Amino acid sequence: MPAAAVVDLLTKAGFDTIVVDRKLSYIHWAQARKMPFLRGLDRMVQDRFAICATKPEE
């Protein structure tokens, strides 16, 4: 699921201040170094992201 779709679902669920972080290259590299070559290569080219969202107090 693309990040935009996740952000849309979070918005519809009432979350705000949604931040998407795509700068995970250091994590991908650290993981890929410990994996077999093809699996590590696959990990490096995947579209991965981290999302932080808050839901306002009601």
N, C-alpha and C. Protein backbone atom coordinates (compact mmCIF):
# COMPACT_ATOMS: atom_id res chain seq x y z
N MET A 1 0.86 -1.17 0.00
CA MET A 1 0.00 0.00 0.00
C MET A 1 0.91 1.24 0.00
N PRO A 2 0.71 2.14 -0.93
CA PRO A 2 1.53 3.35 -0.98
C PRO A 2 1.27 4.25 0.23
N ALA A 3 2.26 5.06 0.54
CA ALA A 3 2.16 5.96 1.70
C ALA A 3 0.96 6.89 1.59
N ALA A 4 0.67 7.36 0.38
CA ALA A 4 -0.45 8.28 0.20
C ALA A 4 -1.77 7.63 0.60
N ALA A 5 -1.93 6.34 0.31
CA ALA A 5 -3.15 5.64 0.68
C ALA A 5 -3.26 5.49 2.20
N VAL A 6 -2.14 5.23 2.86
CA VAL A 6 -2.13 5.11 4.32
C VAL A 6 -2.47 6.45 4.95
N VAL A 7 -1.88 7.52 4.42
CA VAL A 7 -2.17 8.87 4.93
C VAL A 7 -3.66 9.18 4.76
N ASP A 8 -4.23 8.81 3.63
CA ASP A 8 -5.66 9.03 3.39
C ASP A 8 -6.51 8.28 4.41
N LEU A 9 -6.16 7.02 4.68
CA LEU A 9 -6.91 6.24 5.67
C LEU A 9 -6.79 6.84 7.07
N LEU A 10 -5.59 7.29 7.43
CA LEU A 10 -5.40 7.91 8.75
C LEU A 10 -6.19 9.21 8.87
N THR A 11 -6.23 9.99 7.79
CA THR A 11 -6.99 11.24 7.80
C THR A 11 -8.48 10.95 7.98
N LYS A 12 -8.98 9.96 7.26
CA LYS A 12 -10.39 9.59 7.39
C LYS A 12 -10.72 9.06 8.78
N ALA A 13 -9.72 8.47 9.46
CA ALA A 13 -9.94 7.94 10.80
C ALA A 13 -9.82 9.01 11.88
N GLY A 14 -9.52 10.25 11.47
CA GLY A 14 -9.49 11.34 12.43
C GLY A 14 -8.11 11.74 12.92
N PHE A 15 -7.07 11.17 12.35
CA PHE A 15 -5.71 11.53 12.75
C PHE A 15 -5.29 12.82 12.06
N ASP A 16 -4.43 13.57 12.72
CA ASP A 16 -3.86 14.77 12.08
C ASP A 16 -2.36 14.79 12.37
N THR A 17 -1.68 15.81 11.92
CA THR A 17 -0.24 15.93 12.04
C THR A 17 0.43 14.62 11.61
N ILE A 18 0.16 14.24 10.38
CA ILE A 18 0.70 12.99 9.82
C ILE A 18 2.02 13.29 9.13
N VAL A 19 3.06 12.57 9.54
CA VAL A 19 4.40 12.77 8.98
C VAL A 19 4.86 11.45 8.36
N VAL A 20 5.29 11.49 7.10
CA VAL A 20 5.80 10.31 6.41
C VAL A 20 7.30 10.47 6.25
N ASP A 21 8.06 9.47 6.71
CA ASP A 21 9.52 9.50 6.61
C ASP A 21 9.96 8.40 5.66
N ARG A 22 10.58 8.79 4.57
CA ARG A 22 11.07 7.83 3.58
C ARG A 22 12.59 7.68 3.63
N LYS A 23 13.25 8.37 4.52
CA LYS A 23 14.71 8.33 4.61
C LYS A 23 15.15 7.16 5.48
N LEU A 24 14.96 5.97 4.98
CA LEU A 24 15.29 4.76 5.73
C LEU A 24 16.50 4.05 5.14
N SER A 25 17.30 4.74 4.33
CA SER A 25 18.40 4.09 3.63
C SER A 25 19.42 3.49 4.58
N TYR A 26 19.69 4.12 5.72
CA TYR A 26 20.65 3.56 6.67
C TYR A 26 20.14 2.25 7.25
N ILE A 27 18.85 2.18 7.52
CA ILE A 27 18.26 0.95 8.04
C ILE A 27 18.27 -0.12 6.97
N HIS A 28 17.89 0.23 5.72
CA HIS A 28 17.90 -0.73 4.63
C HIS A 28 19.30 -1.29 4.41
N TRP A 29 20.30 -0.42 4.44
CA TRP A 29 21.68 -0.86 4.20
C TRP A 29 22.12 -1.81 5.31
N ALA A 30 21.83 -1.49 6.55
CA ALA A 30 22.22 -2.34 7.67
C ALA A 30 21.54 -3.71 7.58
N GLN A 31 20.29 -3.73 7.18
CA GLN A 31 19.58 -5.00 7.03
C GLN A 31 20.12 -5.79 5.84
N ALA A 32 20.34 -5.11 4.73
CA ALA A 32 20.77 -5.77 3.50
C ALA A 32 22.14 -6.42 3.67
N ARG A 33 23.01 -5.82 4.46
CA ARG A 33 24.35 -6.37 4.66
C ARG A 33 24.31 -7.75 5.31
N LYS A 34 23.27 -8.05 6.07
CA LYS A 34 23.18 -9.31 6.80
C LYS A 34 22.36 -10.37 6.04
N MET A 35 21.86 -10.03 4.86
CA MET A 35 20.99 -10.93 4.11
C MET A 35 21.73 -11.50 2.90
N PRO A 36 21.21 -12.58 2.34
CA PRO A 36 21.74 -13.05 1.06
C PRO A 36 21.62 -11.93 0.01
N PHE A 37 22.49 -11.95 -0.99
CA PHE A 37 22.60 -10.86 -1.95
C PHE A 37 21.26 -10.47 -2.58
N LEU A 38 20.54 -11.43 -3.14
CA LEU A 38 19.30 -11.08 -3.85
C LEU A 38 18.23 -10.55 -2.90
N ARG A 39 18.15 -11.12 -1.72
CA ARG A 39 17.16 -10.62 -0.74
C ARG A 39 17.54 -9.21 -0.28
N GLY A 40 18.83 -8.98 -0.07
CA GLY A 40 19.29 -7.65 0.31
C GLY A 40 19.03 -6.63 -0.78
N LEU A 41 19.25 -7.01 -2.03
CA LEU A 41 18.98 -6.12 -3.15
C LEU A 41 17.50 -5.79 -3.23
N ASP A 42 16.65 -6.79 -3.01
CA ASP A 42 15.21 -6.56 -2.99
C ASP A 42 14.83 -5.59 -1.89
N ARG A 43 15.43 -5.72 -0.71
CA ARG A 43 15.14 -4.84 0.41
C ARG A 43 15.54 -3.40 0.08
N MET A 44 16.64 -3.22 -0.64
CA MET A 44 17.14 -1.88 -0.95
C MET A 44 16.22 -1.15 -1.93
N VAL A 45 15.49 -1.87 -2.78
CA VAL A 45 14.67 -1.20 -3.80
C VAL A 45 13.18 -1.13 -3.42
N GLN A 46 12.80 -1.69 -2.28
CA GLN A 46 11.41 -1.64 -1.87
C GLN A 46 11.03 -0.23 -1.43
N ASP A 47 9.76 0.10 -1.62
CA ASP A 47 9.25 1.40 -1.18
C ASP A 47 8.78 1.25 0.26
N ARG A 48 9.64 1.61 1.20
CA ARG A 48 9.30 1.50 2.62
C ARG A 48 9.27 2.88 3.23
N PHE A 49 8.49 3.01 4.28
CA PHE A 49 8.33 4.31 4.93
C PHE A 49 7.88 4.11 6.36
N ALA A 50 8.07 5.13 7.15
CA ALA A 50 7.59 5.16 8.53
C ALA A 50 6.60 6.31 8.63
N ILE A 51 5.55 6.10 9.39
CA ILE A 51 4.52 7.13 9.54
C ILE A 51 4.31 7.42 11.03
N CYS A 52 4.21 8.69 11.34
CA CYS A 52 3.88 9.12 12.69
C CYS A 52 2.63 10.00 12.58
N ALA A 53 1.61 9.67 13.38
CA ALA A 53 0.36 10.43 13.34
C ALA A 53 -0.19 10.56 14.76
N THR A 54 -0.86 11.67 15.00
CA THR A 54 -1.49 11.87 16.30
C THR A 54 -3.00 12.05 16.11
N LYS A 55 -3.73 11.61 17.10
CA LYS A 55 -5.18 11.78 17.06
C LYS A 55 -5.53 12.80 18.14
N PRO A 56 -6.24 13.85 17.75
CA PRO A 56 -6.57 14.90 18.72
C PRO A 56 -7.45 14.37 19.86
N GLU A 57 -7.26 14.97 21.02
CA GLU A 57 -8.09 14.62 22.18
C GLU A 57 -9.53 15.05 21.91
N GLU A 58 -10.47 14.26 22.35
CA GLU A 58 -11.87 14.63 22.14
C GLU A 58 -12.49 15.13 23.39
